[in-house]
Amino acid sequence: MIKIMVVEDHEIFRKGIINLLNDIKDVEVMAEAENGKDFLEKIETIKPDIVFMDIRMPEIDGIEATKIAIAKNNKLKVIALSMHNEEDYLEKMLEAGAMGFLLKNATMVDIEKAIHSVMQGYRFFSEELMNILANKYIKKPEPVKEDSEFSKREIEVLQLICDGLTNHQIGEKLFISNRTVDGHRARMLEKIGAANTVGLVIYAIKNKLIKID
């Protein structure tokens, strides 16, 4: 069974997603929390595999709560729950360590896909959210070609970025410096006209430049 915790400050929505999760056969909802502070207190004794995390909450928000929780347990998988007007927060959630991203009106199909994708170590963005983010963050939606094509090393760096590794971890894995990792990231962003790492990850997924399943 996949053990799940739901962190959401709106009780009606929290109960709603718990009801949906309870209908998935290989899932067990083991706990819930109403904000990041409540979550961080409970996570000391409760050990879920996946946390569905709201972003904007009182006390401690989802970004800070994710960062603290993953620093303590890097095996924890966090799926961010976002509203349509919260795209600007997603890069911070990505940097904090979130692996999945769903709009709060996600279908049961997307929820199940997100759970199984992150459990296998892959990022997941619901299709609707990917389209929103692509339109917002990427100037060149089509695959790069010819002189702007990503190099083999850039693809390696891109895969590791999408796998959730930090610059330091990527550098250690590829035996290159943090500055070199930054350089590869900057060149890739420039090639596709992406505004930030969220745009880069969305571009990679949409154009099948990385392994996602």
Foldseek 3Di string as FASTA:
>chain_A
DAEEEEEAQDVVLRVVVQVLQVPDDVYDDDYYHNALVRVVVVCVPDPGQEYEAEADHPPDGRLVSLLVVCVVPVSREYAYEAALPCPVCVVSNLLSQHQEYEYSVDDSVLVVVCVVLVNVQFHYYPPVRLVSQLVVFWPALDAFDDPLHQDPVLLLLLQVSRSSDDLVRSCVVVVHDSVVSVVSVVSNCVSGVGPDSVNSNSSCVVHVSYDRD
